């Protein structure tokens, strides 16, 4: 998984890297612009219920699981030695 840990939604990010070739591939699957997915995942901007419904339909996740936010920043996780000791996304 390249560039892992940049999203505020780790479950969605993980799903995308496991099931798609890229963020662009995922965006194409749900029929939205690449930038729409990137800005949502970075937390720079919200989105519409329509886009959320498309994401949930494609991933098969519940809203609560898909959009659960990191409790700790990726930088802090790196400083702690990785996520193996810390279950942040369950």
N, C-alpha and C. Protein backbone atom coordinates (compact mmCIF):
# COMPACT_ATOMS: atom_id res chain seq x y z
N UNK A 1 0.85 -1.18 0.00
CA UNK A 1 0.00 0.00 0.00
C UNK A 1 0.89 1.24 0.00
N UNK A 2 0.86 2.00 -1.06
CA UNK A 2 1.72 3.18 -1.13
C UNK A 2 1.05 4.38 -0.48
N UNK A 3 1.85 5.24 0.10
CA UNK A 3 1.37 6.47 0.73
C UNK A 3 0.26 6.23 1.74
N UNK A 4 0.35 5.17 2.51
CA UNK A 4 -0.69 4.84 3.48
C UNK A 4 -0.66 5.81 4.66
N UNK A 5 -1.81 6.04 5.23
CA UNK A 5 -1.93 6.83 6.44
C UNK A 5 -2.20 8.31 6.24
N UNK A 6 -2.46 8.75 5.03
CA UNK A 6 -2.69 10.18 4.78
C UNK A 6 -4.14 10.57 4.97
N UNK A 7 -5.05 9.61 4.95
CA UNK A 7 -6.48 9.91 5.03
C UNK A 7 -6.94 9.99 6.48
N UNK A 8 -7.96 10.81 6.71
CA UNK A 8 -8.56 10.84 8.05
C UNK A 8 -9.54 9.68 8.23
N UNK A 9 -9.79 8.93 7.15
CA UNK A 9 -10.69 7.77 7.20
C UNK A 9 -9.89 6.50 6.86
N UNK A 10 -9.24 5.92 7.85
CA UNK A 10 -8.35 4.78 7.58
C UNK A 10 -9.05 3.56 7.01
N UNK A 11 -10.29 3.30 7.40
CA UNK A 11 -10.98 2.13 6.87
C UNK A 11 -11.28 2.29 5.39
N UNK A 12 -11.69 3.47 4.99
CA UNK A 12 -11.96 3.74 3.58
C UNK A 12 -10.65 3.67 2.79
N UNK A 13 -9.60 4.26 3.30
CA UNK A 13 -8.31 4.23 2.62
C UNK A 13 -7.83 2.79 2.43
N UNK A 14 -7.92 1.99 3.46
CA UNK A 14 -7.50 0.59 3.38
C UNK A 14 -8.32 -0.16 2.35
N UNK A 15 -9.64 0.05 2.37
CA UNK A 15 -10.50 -0.64 1.40
C UNK A 15 -10.10 -0.27 -0.03
N UNK A 16 -9.87 0.99 -0.27
CA UNK A 16 -9.49 1.44 -1.62
C UNK A 16 -8.20 0.77 -2.06
N UNK A 17 -7.18 0.75 -1.20
CA UNK A 17 -5.90 0.15 -1.60
C UNK A 17 -5.99 -1.35 -1.78
N UNK A 18 -6.94 -2.00 -1.09
CA UNK A 18 -7.10 -3.44 -1.23
C UNK A 18 -7.92 -3.84 -2.45
N UNK A 19 -8.81 -2.95 -2.92
CA UNK A 19 -9.75 -3.32 -3.98
C UNK A 19 -9.62 -2.52 -5.27
N UNK A 20 -8.83 -1.48 -5.29
CA UNK A 20 -8.70 -0.62 -6.46
C UNK A 20 -7.24 -0.42 -6.82
N UNK A 21 -7.00 -0.03 -8.05
CA UNK A 21 -5.64 0.25 -8.50
C UNK A 21 -5.13 1.58 -7.97
N UNK A 22 -6.06 2.52 -7.75
CA UNK A 22 -5.69 3.86 -7.33
C UNK A 22 -6.93 4.61 -6.83
N UNK A 23 -6.70 5.81 -6.31
CA UNK A 23 -7.82 6.67 -5.93
C UNK A 23 -8.65 7.01 -7.17
N UNK A 24 -7.97 7.25 -8.28
CA UNK A 24 -8.68 7.55 -9.53
C UNK A 24 -9.57 6.39 -9.96
N UNK A 25 -9.07 5.18 -9.80
CA UNK A 25 -9.86 3.98 -10.13
C UNK A 25 -11.12 3.94 -9.27
N UNK A 26 -10.97 4.17 -7.97
CA UNK A 26 -12.12 4.18 -7.07
C UNK A 26 -13.10 5.28 -7.46
N UNK A 27 -12.59 6.48 -7.72
CA UNK A 27 -13.46 7.59 -8.12
C UNK A 27 -14.24 7.24 -9.39
N UNK A 28 -13.56 6.61 -10.33
CA UNK A 28 -14.23 6.20 -11.56
C UNK A 28 -15.32 5.17 -11.31
N UNK A 29 -15.06 4.25 -10.40
CA UNK A 29 -16.05 3.22 -10.06
C UNK A 29 -17.34 3.83 -9.52
N UNK A 30 -17.19 4.89 -8.72
CA UNK A 30 -18.39 5.48 -8.13
C UNK A 30 -18.91 6.67 -8.93
N UNK A 31 -18.19 7.05 -9.98
CA UNK A 31 -18.67 8.09 -10.88
C UNK A 31 -18.51 9.52 -10.40
N UNK A 32 -17.42 9.78 -9.68
CA UNK A 32 -17.14 11.14 -9.23
C UNK A 32 -15.71 11.52 -9.62
N UNK A 33 -15.40 12.78 -9.51
CA UNK A 33 -14.06 13.25 -9.82
C UNK A 33 -13.05 12.78 -8.77
N UNK A 34 -11.83 12.53 -9.23
CA UNK A 34 -10.72 12.15 -8.35
C UNK A 34 -10.58 13.14 -7.20
N UNK A 35 -10.66 14.42 -7.52
CA UNK A 35 -10.49 15.47 -6.51
C UNK A 35 -11.57 15.40 -5.43
N UNK A 36 -12.77 14.97 -5.78
CA UNK A 36 -13.85 14.82 -4.80
C UNK A 36 -13.46 13.82 -3.73
N UNK A 37 -12.90 12.70 -4.15
CA UNK A 37 -12.49 11.65 -3.21
C UNK A 37 -11.31 12.13 -2.37
N UNK A 38 -10.32 12.74 -3.01
CA UNK A 38 -9.12 13.21 -2.29
C UNK A 38 -9.47 14.24 -1.22
N UNK A 39 -10.26 15.25 -1.58
CA UNK A 39 -10.57 16.30 -0.60
C UNK A 39 -11.41 15.76 0.56
N UNK A 40 -12.29 14.80 0.27
CA UNK A 40 -13.07 14.17 1.34
C UNK A 40 -12.14 13.39 2.27
N UNK A 41 -11.27 12.57 1.70
CA UNK A 41 -10.41 11.72 2.51
C UNK A 41 -9.37 12.49 3.30
N UNK A 42 -8.98 13.64 2.80
CA UNK A 42 -8.04 14.49 3.55
C UNK A 42 -8.74 15.31 4.61
N UNK A 43 -10.07 15.36 4.56
CA UNK A 43 -10.82 16.16 5.52
C UNK A 43 -10.83 17.63 5.18
N UNK A 44 -10.50 17.97 3.95
CA UNK A 44 -10.46 19.37 3.54
C UNK A 44 -11.84 19.94 3.27
N UNK A 45 -12.76 19.05 2.96
CA UNK A 45 -14.12 19.49 2.63
C UNK A 45 -15.06 18.32 2.83
N UNK A 46 -16.30 18.63 3.15
CA UNK A 46 -17.31 17.59 3.26
C UNK A 46 -17.81 17.21 1.88
N UNK A 47 -18.85 16.43 1.82
CA UNK A 47 -19.43 16.03 0.55
C UNK A 47 -20.92 15.86 0.71
N UNK A 48 -21.58 15.46 -0.34
CA UNK A 48 -23.03 15.31 -0.32
C UNK A 48 -23.42 13.91 0.13
N UNK A 49 -24.66 13.78 0.55
CA UNK A 49 -25.20 12.48 0.92
C UNK A 49 -25.15 11.54 -0.29
N UNK A 50 -25.35 12.09 -1.47
CA UNK A 50 -25.31 11.29 -2.69
C UNK A 50 -23.94 10.61 -2.86
N UNK A 51 -22.88 11.36 -2.69
CA UNK A 51 -21.52 10.79 -2.82
C UNK A 51 -21.26 9.78 -1.70
N UNK A 52 -21.68 10.09 -0.50
CA UNK A 52 -21.52 9.15 0.62
C UNK A 52 -22.24 7.84 0.30
N UNK A 53 -23.45 7.93 -0.22
CA UNK A 53 -24.20 6.72 -0.57
C UNK A 53 -23.48 5.91 -1.65
N UNK A 54 -22.88 6.59 -2.63
CA UNK A 54 -22.11 5.89 -3.67
C UNK A 54 -20.92 5.15 -3.06
N UNK A 55 -20.22 5.80 -2.13
CA UNK A 55 -19.06 5.19 -1.47
C UNK A 55 -19.49 3.97 -0.67
N UNK A 56 -20.56 4.10 0.10
CA UNK A 56 -21.04 2.99 0.92
C UNK A 56 -21.51 1.81 0.07
N UNK A 57 -22.17 2.11 -1.04
CA UNK A 57 -22.63 1.05 -1.94
C UNK A 57 -21.44 0.29 -2.53
N UNK A 58 -20.42 1.02 -2.95
CA UNK A 58 -19.24 0.38 -3.56
C UNK A 58 -18.45 -0.43 -2.54
N UNK A 59 -18.27 0.10 -1.34
CA UNK A 59 -17.44 -0.58 -0.33
C UNK A 59 -18.18 -1.66 0.44
N UNK A 60 -19.49 -1.51 0.56
CA UNK A 60 -20.27 -2.46 1.36
C UNK A 60 -20.14 -2.23 2.85
N UNK A 61 -19.49 -1.14 3.24
CA UNK A 61 -19.34 -0.83 4.67
C UNK A 61 -20.52 0.00 5.18
N UNK A 62 -20.67 -0.01 6.48
CA UNK A 62 -21.63 0.89 7.10
C UNK A 62 -21.01 2.29 7.16
N UNK A 63 -21.84 3.29 7.36
CA UNK A 63 -21.34 4.66 7.49
C UNK A 63 -20.36 4.75 8.65
N UNK A 64 -20.74 4.15 9.77
CA UNK A 64 -19.91 4.23 10.98
C UNK A 64 -18.53 3.64 10.76
N UNK A 65 -18.46 2.51 10.06
CA UNK A 65 -17.15 1.89 9.82
C UNK A 65 -16.36 2.65 8.77
N UNK A 66 -17.01 3.00 7.68
CA UNK A 66 -16.31 3.66 6.56
C UNK A 66 -15.73 5.01 6.96
N UNK A 67 -16.50 5.77 7.72
CA UNK A 67 -16.09 7.14 8.02
C UNK A 67 -15.63 7.34 9.46
N UNK A 68 -15.18 6.25 10.07
CA UNK A 68 -14.57 6.37 11.40
C UNK A 68 -13.23 7.07 11.23
N UNK A 69 -13.02 8.12 11.99
CA UNK A 69 -11.78 8.90 11.85
C UNK A 69 -10.67 8.34 12.71
N UNK A 70 -9.45 8.64 12.27
CA UNK A 70 -8.26 8.32 13.06
C UNK A 70 -8.36 9.02 14.40
N UNK A 71 -8.01 8.34 15.45
CA UNK A 71 -7.96 8.95 16.78
C UNK A 71 -6.59 9.55 17.04
N UNK A 72 -5.65 9.20 16.19
CA UNK A 72 -4.28 9.64 16.36
C UNK A 72 -3.73 9.94 14.97
N UNK A 73 -2.90 10.93 14.87
CA UNK A 73 -2.37 11.30 13.55
C UNK A 73 -1.41 10.25 13.03
N UNK A 74 -1.29 10.12 11.70
CA UNK A 74 -0.33 9.18 11.14
C UNK A 74 1.10 9.44 11.61
N UNK A 75 1.45 10.70 11.82
CA UNK A 75 2.79 11.03 12.31
C UNK A 75 3.00 10.46 13.71
N UNK A 76 1.98 10.59 14.55
CA UNK A 76 2.09 10.05 15.90
C UNK A 76 2.19 8.53 15.86
N UNK A 77 1.44 7.89 14.98
CA UNK A 77 1.53 6.44 14.84
C UNK A 77 2.95 6.03 14.47
N UNK A 78 3.55 6.75 13.53
CA UNK A 78 4.93 6.45 13.13
C UNK A 78 5.88 6.60 14.30
N UNK A 79 5.69 7.64 15.08
CA UNK A 79 6.56 7.85 16.25
C UNK A 79 6.39 6.76 17.29
N UNK A 80 5.18 6.17 17.36
CA UNK A 80 4.92 5.10 18.32
C UNK A 80 5.39 3.75 17.80
N UNK A 81 5.88 3.72 16.59
CA UNK A 81 6.42 2.47 16.05
C UNK A 81 5.44 1.67 15.22
N UNK A 82 4.40 2.29 14.72
CA UNK A 82 3.44 1.60 13.85
C UNK A 82 2.13 1.31 14.54
N UNK A 83 1.22 0.72 13.78
CA UNK A 83 -0.13 0.49 14.29
C UNK A 83 -0.34 -0.91 14.84
N UNK A 84 0.67 -1.77 14.79
CA UNK A 84 0.46 -3.13 15.22
C UNK A 84 0.03 -3.24 16.69
N UNK A 85 0.46 -2.33 17.53
CA UNK A 85 0.10 -2.36 18.95
C UNK A 85 -1.17 -1.58 19.24
N UNK A 86 -1.63 -0.81 18.29
CA UNK A 86 -2.73 0.12 18.51
C UNK A 86 -3.85 -0.15 17.53
N UNK A 87 -4.99 -0.58 18.03
CA UNK A 87 -6.13 -0.84 17.14
C UNK A 87 -6.95 0.43 17.04
N UNK A 88 -6.72 1.20 15.98
CA UNK A 88 -7.36 2.50 15.85
C UNK A 88 -8.64 2.45 15.05
N UNK A 89 -8.84 1.39 14.29
CA UNK A 89 -9.94 1.41 13.32
C UNK A 89 -11.01 0.36 13.59
N UNK A 90 -10.96 -0.31 14.69
CA UNK A 90 -11.98 -1.33 14.98
C UNK A 90 -13.24 -0.69 15.49
